[in-house]
Amino acid sequence: MIERSNAIVALLTTGFFLGACAQTEVSQEDSDENAALLVESFDPQYGAGSSAPIEGAQYGNLALTIGEGTPVVFYYPAGPSWWQMQAEPLSADYMIVMVGEDLAVPPEGGLVSPTHLIDALENLKGTLGVESFNLVTHSISSRIAMELAIRRPDLINSLVLEEPAWAPTPDVEGPLPPPEQPECQVELTNPIDRSTCDFFAMQMGEGRFEALPQSIRQYLLDGAREQAAAIAASSTEGDLPMEAGPPQFDMICDQLGELDFPILFVRGEDTPAFFSAGMDYYEGCLSDHETAFIADATHMVHFENPEAYNAAVRSFVSTHSN
């Protein structure tokens, strides 16, 4: 059995799991208390409710499009609201297409995979009138996008990889630095909230999750709760229809080195050593790529320093768009 709170954190973030967390019922009193600690509530401007299924897609993909001009696809499994700090500013220059998955109903076979993204892009081609995409991704979706690039390079015009999540590959030797395990610095009694906050502390470093805008913290905590409730409701026996841990992609460094379209790595200057080591490996596979180091940011660059992140993406896409 997989602990619900851990599985949801995995889906909403990189796909890596925390240690075991007690599977505890959450009372309304606990929920109210945690909401009060965050002060501000957040009404997602780009939530799943305003997204539409991609016509023809087989895996529950959702998409939301704003703006006009050259399409730029932002992909993350948690859905369009993951890019809430990018969509409005960048839609002044491009058509922003935010693609996610309906995580409340995980497809048979478990976690998201490159096959789902290939399916979504194939079915978006006709709608958008393009043959290839400027694709922007983060963490686990960057890992998925690299596998997509190896399988179907014809679908990509340019690729932005923000802090790709690390997962074992067949050609890696030697251990990686273990993830640090700092604890959340906010008192949270709801076990899903606590698990989520602890996990972001591991991703970002001590005190960095707490430094996010309150609206973003609320969005991340609310999203974890909502997905936990949805998956719990869809499971008659309480078990989750998915496997623990990140997808194990069959990625080879030499194949990454053969990619010949423009690639931008976006890295937080303060990202933890575990993620930094993985990105060093990926960048070493690519002889021709660009890198943007973003100040005052860790693994969640687009939330932590959106102005610098948006500027880097805008500059890259404008230089390499067909």
Protein backbone atom coordinates (compact mmCIF):
# COMPACT_ATOMS: atom_id res chain seq x y z
CA MET A 1 0.00 0.00 0.00
CA ILE A 2 1.19 3.53 -0.81
CA GLU A 3 0.55 6.30 1.66
CA ARG A 4 -1.90 8.74 0.09
CA SER A 5 -0.10 11.89 1.16
CA ASN A 6 3.23 10.66 -0.21
CA ALA A 7 1.70 9.62 -3.52
CA ILE A 8 0.06 12.99 -4.02
CA VAL A 9 3.23 14.89 -3.26
CA ALA A 10 4.97 12.68 -5.78
CA LEU A 11 2.41 13.44 -8.46
CA LEU A 12 2.41 17.17 -7.87
CA THR A 13 6.18 17.51 -7.72
CA THR A 14 9.07 15.41 -9.01
CA GLY A 15 7.77 11.93 -8.44
CA PHE A 16 10.24 11.17 -5.65
CA PHE A 17 8.77 10.00 -2.36
CA LEU A 18 9.21 11.03 1.24
CA GLY A 19 9.61 8.42 3.92
CA ALA A 20 6.54 6.77 5.36
CA CYS A 21 3.84 9.13 6.56
CA ALA A 22 0.93 8.11 8.77
CA GLN A 23 -2.32 7.67 6.85
CA THR A 24 -4.49 9.79 9.11
CA GLU A 25 -8.00 11.10 8.63
CA VAL A 26 -8.10 14.90 8.36
CA SER A 27 -10.76 16.70 10.37
CA GLN A 28 -12.46 19.93 9.32
CA GLU A 29 -10.98 21.55 12.44
CA ASP A 30 -7.45 20.67 11.26
CA SER A 31 -8.19 22.03 7.79
CA ASP A 32 -9.53 25.31 9.13
CA GLU A 33 -6.53 25.71 11.44
CA ASN A 34 -4.05 25.18 8.62
CA ALA A 35 -5.87 27.57 6.32
CA ALA A 36 -5.74 30.24 9.02
CA LEU A 37 -1.96 29.88 9.28
CA LEU A 38 -1.58 30.80 5.62
CA VAL A 39 -3.88 33.84 5.91
CA GLU A 40 -4.59 34.25 2.21
CA SER A 41 -6.67 31.85 0.17
CA PHE A 42 -5.82 31.35 -3.49
CA ASP A 43 -8.37 31.07 -6.27
CA PRO A 44 -6.38 29.49 -9.14
CA GLN A 45 -6.84 31.57 -12.27
CA TYR A 46 -5.80 28.64 -14.42
CA GLY A 47 -7.25 25.67 -12.56
CA ALA A 48 -8.31 22.33 -14.01
CA GLY A 49 -11.93 23.48 -14.00
CA SER A 50 -11.20 25.95 -16.79
CA SER A 51 -9.23 23.45 -18.84
CA ALA A 52 -10.58 21.31 -21.64
CA PRO A 53 -9.68 17.75 -22.60
CA ILE A 54 -7.43 17.53 -25.65
CA GLU A 55 -9.52 16.16 -28.48
CA GLY A 56 -8.34 12.70 -29.42
CA ALA A 57 -5.93 12.32 -26.49
CA GLN A 58 -6.12 8.93 -24.77
CA TYR A 59 -4.64 9.63 -21.35
CA GLY A 60 -6.79 12.31 -19.76
CA ASN A 61 -4.64 15.23 -20.90
CA LEU A 62 -6.04 18.72 -20.32
CA ALA A 63 -5.08 21.95 -22.05
CA LEU A 64 -5.75 25.65 -21.59
CA THR A 65 -4.71 28.22 -24.19
CA ILE A 66 -4.38 31.99 -23.78
CA GLY A 67 -2.79 34.62 -26.01
CA GLU A 68 -2.01 34.65 -29.71
CA GLY A 69 0.99 34.10 -31.94
CA THR A 70 3.65 31.38 -31.87
CA PRO A 71 2.48 28.48 -29.65
CA VAL A 72 4.60 27.70 -26.60
CA VAL A 73 3.54 24.55 -24.73
CA PHE A 74 4.06 24.54 -20.95
CA TYR A 75 3.75 20.99 -19.65
CA TYR A 76 3.46 19.76 -16.08
CA PRO A 77 1.28 16.86 -14.86
CA ALA A 78 -0.41 18.92 -12.11
CA GLY A 79 -2.06 21.06 -14.78
CA PRO A 80 -2.22 24.61 -16.11
CA SER A 81 -2.16 26.32 -12.72
CA TRP A 82 1.45 25.16 -12.28
CA TRP A 83 2.32 27.98 -14.70
CA GLN A 84 0.13 30.69 -13.17
CA MET A 85 3.09 33.10 -12.86
CA GLN A 86 4.11 32.60 -16.50
CA ALA A 87 0.86 32.45 -18.44
CA GLU A 88 -0.29 36.06 -18.22
CA PRO A 89 3.08 37.80 -18.69
CA LEU A 90 4.19 35.59 -21.59
CA SER A 91 0.81 35.57 -23.34
CA ALA A 92 1.53 39.13 -24.44
CA ASP A 93 4.13 37.66 -26.83
CA TYR A 94 3.02 34.08 -27.51
CA MET A 95 0.10 31.70 -27.52
CA ILE A 96 0.59 29.92 -24.19
CA VAL A 97 -0.73 26.34 -24.22
CA MET A 98 -0.68 24.82 -20.73
CA VAL A 99 -0.93 21.04 -20.77
CA GLY A 100 -1.47 18.76 -17.77
CA GLU A 101 -3.12 15.50 -16.84
CA ASP A 102 -6.24 14.59 -14.93
CA LEU A 103 -4.46 13.23 -11.86
CA ALA A 104 -7.74 12.53 -10.12
CA VAL A 105 -8.14 9.55 -12.46
CA PRO A 106 -4.65 8.11 -13.01
CA PRO A 107 -4.47 6.05 -16.21
CA GLU A 108 -3.99 2.32 -16.09
CA GLY A 109 -0.32 1.59 -15.57
CA GLY A 110 0.22 4.29 -12.97
CA LEU A 111 2.29 7.43 -13.16
CA VAL A 112 2.55 9.82 -16.08
CA SER A 113 4.94 8.84 -18.85
CA PRO A 114 6.46 10.13 -22.11
CA THR A 115 3.76 8.20 -23.98
CA HIS A 116 1.10 10.50 -22.52
CA LEU A 117 2.95 13.65 -23.59
CA ILE A 118 3.60 12.29 -27.09
CA ASP A 119 -0.11 11.54 -27.38
CA ALA A 120 -1.06 15.05 -26.22
CA LEU A 121 1.31 16.79 -28.65
CA GLU A 122 0.27 14.60 -31.57
CA ASN A 123 -3.35 15.59 -30.99
CA LEU A 124 -2.50 19.28 -30.51
CA LYS A 125 -0.71 19.52 -33.85
CA GLY A 126 -3.87 19.79 -35.90
CA THR A 127 -5.60 22.12 -33.47
CA LEU A 128 -2.69 24.57 -33.37
CA GLY A 129 -1.65 24.12 -37.00
CA VAL A 130 1.98 23.31 -36.22
CA GLU A 131 4.22 20.29 -36.76
CA SER A 132 6.61 20.91 -33.85
CA PHE A 133 6.49 22.74 -30.54
CA ASN A 134 8.42 25.12 -28.36
CA LEU A 135 8.13 23.07 -25.17
CA VAL A 136 8.71 24.32 -21.59
CA THR A 137 8.91 21.84 -18.72
CA HIS A 138 9.85 21.52 -15.05
CA SER A 139 11.24 18.78 -12.79
CA ILE A 140 9.55 15.44 -13.56
CA SER A 141 8.04 16.87 -16.76
CA SER A 142 11.55 17.87 -17.89
CA ARG A 143 12.63 14.27 -17.35
CA ILE A 144 9.63 13.14 -19.41
CA ALA A 145 10.45 15.70 -22.11
CA MET A 146 14.00 14.38 -22.51
CA GLU A 147 12.63 10.91 -23.13
CA LEU A 148 10.12 12.43 -25.56
CA ALA A 149 12.98 14.18 -27.36
CA ILE A 150 14.82 10.88 -27.84
CA ARG A 151 11.73 9.07 -29.08
CA ARG A 152 10.18 11.85 -31.19
CA PRO A 153 12.58 14.71 -31.91
CA ASP A 154 10.32 15.74 -34.80
CA LEU A 155 7.77 17.06 -32.28
CA ILE A 156 10.16 19.60 -30.75
CA ASN A 157 11.28 22.93 -32.18
CA SER A 158 12.97 24.13 -28.98
CA LEU A 159 13.04 22.78 -25.43
CA VAL A 160 13.28 24.48 -22.01
CA LEU A 161 14.27 22.14 -19.17
CA GLU A 162 13.79 23.74 -15.76
CA GLU A 163 15.58 21.74 -13.05
CA PRO A 164 15.05 18.22 -14.51
CA ALA A 165 14.23 15.64 -11.88
CA TRP A 166 16.87 12.98 -11.40
CA ALA A 167 16.04 9.33 -12.07
CA PRO A 168 18.48 6.45 -12.54
CA THR A 169 19.68 5.83 -16.08
CA PRO A 170 21.43 2.72 -17.40
CA ASP A 171 24.74 4.45 -18.06
CA VAL A 172 25.30 6.15 -14.68
CA GLU A 173 27.97 4.79 -12.38
CA GLY A 174 28.59 5.71 -8.77
CA PRO A 175 26.27 7.17 -6.11
CA LEU A 176 24.62 10.57 -6.20
CA PRO A 177 24.60 12.81 -3.14
CA PRO A 178 21.55 11.80 -1.07
CA PRO A 179 18.68 14.29 -0.83
CA GLU A 180 18.82 16.48 2.24
CA GLN A 181 15.91 16.10 4.65
CA PRO A 182 15.17 19.49 6.20
CA GLU A 183 11.83 19.83 7.90
CA CYS A 184 9.03 22.28 7.22
CA GLN A 185 9.27 25.33 9.45
CA VAL A 186 5.51 25.96 9.59
CA GLU A 187 3.37 24.24 12.22
CA LEU A 188 0.85 22.17 10.26
CA THR A 189 -1.44 19.58 11.86
CA ASN A 190 -3.00 18.25 8.67
CA PRO A 191 -0.82 15.25 7.72
CA ILE A 192 -1.17 15.89 3.97
CA ASP A 193 -0.13 19.52 4.45
CA ARG A 194 2.78 18.48 6.64
CA SER A 195 3.95 15.84 4.18
CA THR A 196 3.69 18.30 1.30
CA CYS A 197 5.58 21.02 3.16
CA ASP A 198 8.33 18.60 4.24
CA PHE A 199 8.72 17.40 0.69
CA PHE A 200 9.11 20.91 -0.71
CA ALA A 201 11.65 21.58 2.03
CA MET A 202 13.64 18.62 0.69
CA GLN A 203 13.37 19.97 -2.85
CA MET A 204 14.19 23.56 -2.06
CA GLY A 205 16.18 23.66 1.16
CA GLU A 206 15.32 24.73 4.68
CA GLY A 207 13.07 27.77 4.90
CA ARG A 208 12.64 28.17 1.13
CA PHE A 209 9.10 26.81 0.89
CA GLU A 210 8.05 29.17 3.66
CA ALA A 211 9.56 32.06 1.68
CA LEU A 212 7.27 31.47 -1.30
CA PRO A 213 4.36 33.90 -1.73
CA GLN A 214 1.53 32.86 0.55
CA SER A 215 -0.79 32.42 -2.42
CA ILE A 216 1.60 29.88 -3.97
CA ARG A 217 2.02 27.97 -0.72
CA GLN A 218 -1.76 27.84 -0.37
CA TYR A 219 -2.12 26.65 -3.97
CA LEU A 220 0.38 23.83 -3.46
CA LEU A 221 -1.15 22.68 -0.17
CA ASP A 222 -4.71 22.92 -1.50
CA GLY A 223 -3.73 21.00 -4.63
CA ALA A 224 -2.30 18.15 -2.59
CA ARG A 225 -5.45 17.96 -0.47
CA GLU A 226 -7.75 18.01 -3.48
CA GLN A 227 -5.85 15.28 -5.28
CA ALA A 228 -5.71 13.18 -2.12
CA ALA A 229 -9.48 13.43 -1.74
CA ALA A 230 -10.11 12.67 -5.42
CA ILE A 231 -7.86 9.62 -5.48
CA ALA A 232 -9.23 8.35 -2.17
CA ALA A 233 -12.76 8.64 -3.57
CA SER A 234 -11.81 6.73 -6.71
CA SER A 235 -10.24 3.81 -4.82
CA THR A 236 -12.71 1.35 -3.36
CA GLU A 237 -10.13 -0.39 -1.17
CA GLY A 238 -7.99 2.59 -0.26
CA ASP A 239 -5.00 1.56 -2.37
CA LEU A 240 -3.71 3.86 -5.10
CA PRO A 241 -3.74 2.56 -8.68
CA MET A 242 -0.12 3.48 -9.30
CA GLU A 243 3.39 2.45 -8.44
CA ALA A 244 5.64 4.21 -5.95
CA GLY A 245 8.59 6.24 -7.14
CA PRO A 246 9.46 8.04 -10.37
CA PRO A 247 8.98 6.50 -13.80
CA GLN A 248 12.09 4.53 -14.74
CA PHE A 249 12.93 5.84 -18.18
CA ASP A 250 15.36 4.06 -20.45
CA MET A 251 17.51 7.10 -21.22
CA ILE A 252 21.04 6.87 -22.60
CA CYS A 253 23.47 9.79 -22.49
CA ASP A 254 24.67 9.20 -26.07
CA GLN A 255 21.12 9.54 -27.36
CA LEU A 256 20.70 12.89 -25.63
CA GLY A 257 23.92 14.02 -27.27
CA GLU A 258 22.43 13.40 -30.70
CA LEU A 259 19.61 15.94 -30.27
CA ASP A 260 20.05 18.87 -32.66
CA PHE A 261 17.34 21.38 -31.69
CA PRO A 262 17.91 24.31 -29.28
CA ILE A 263 17.83 23.37 -25.58
CA LEU A 264 17.86 25.68 -22.56
CA PHE A 265 18.56 24.45 -19.02
CA VAL A 266 17.11 26.71 -16.33
CA ARG A 267 18.77 26.19 -12.95
CA GLY A 268 18.32 27.82 -9.56
CA GLU A 269 21.59 29.15 -8.22
CA ASP A 270 20.77 27.77 -4.76
CA THR A 271 19.34 24.39 -5.76
CA PRO A 272 20.19 21.46 -3.44
CA ALA A 273 23.19 19.27 -4.32
CA PHE A 274 21.05 16.25 -5.24
CA PHE A 275 19.30 18.09 -8.08
CA SER A 276 22.43 19.96 -9.08
CA ALA A 277 24.35 16.69 -9.54
CA GLY A 278 21.63 15.30 -11.79
CA MET A 279 21.61 18.43 -13.93
CA ASP A 280 25.39 18.36 -14.24
CA TYR A 281 25.03 14.85 -15.64
CA TYR A 282 22.33 15.81 -18.14
CA GLU A 283 24.20 18.89 -19.32
CA GLY A 284 27.33 16.80 -19.79
CA CYS A 285 25.42 14.66 -22.28
CA LEU A 286 24.57 17.66 -24.46
CA SER A 287 27.38 19.26 -26.41
CA ASP A 288 25.25 22.14 -27.69
CA HIS A 289 22.87 23.81 -25.25
CA GLU A 290 22.33 27.00 -23.27
CA THR A 291 22.09 27.41 -19.49
CA ALA A 292 20.42 30.13 -17.46
CA PHE A 293 21.28 30.30 -13.76
CA ILE A 294 18.53 32.16 -11.90
CA ALA A 295 19.44 34.03 -8.71
CA ASP A 296 17.43 33.69 -5.50
CA ALA A 297 15.97 30.36 -6.64
CA THR A 298 16.26 26.66 -5.92
CA HIS A 299 14.34 23.77 -7.53
CA MET A 300 11.10 25.77 -7.97
CA VAL A 301 12.59 28.52 -10.11
CA HIS A 302 9.41 29.63 -11.89
CA PHE A 303 7.68 30.17 -8.52
CA GLU A 304 10.65 31.65 -6.65
CA ASN A 305 11.90 34.19 -9.20
CA PRO A 306 9.25 34.39 -11.93
CA GLU A 307 10.48 37.67 -13.41
CA ALA A 308 13.96 36.32 -14.16
CA TYR A 309 12.57 32.97 -15.24
CA ASN A 310 10.07 34.55 -17.65
CA ALA A 311 12.77 36.78 -19.12
CA ALA A 312 15.03 33.77 -19.77
CA VAL A 313 12.24 31.80 -21.45
CA ARG A 314 11.09 34.79 -23.51
CA SER A 315 14.62 35.46 -24.77
CA PHE A 316 15.25 31.81 -25.65
CA VAL A 317 11.96 31.23 -27.45
CA SER A 318 12.17 34.49 -29.40
CA THR A 319 15.66 33.56 -30.58
CA HIS A 320 14.80 30.03 -31.67
CA SER A 321 11.16 30.10 -32.80
CA ASN A 322 10.56 29.14 -36.42
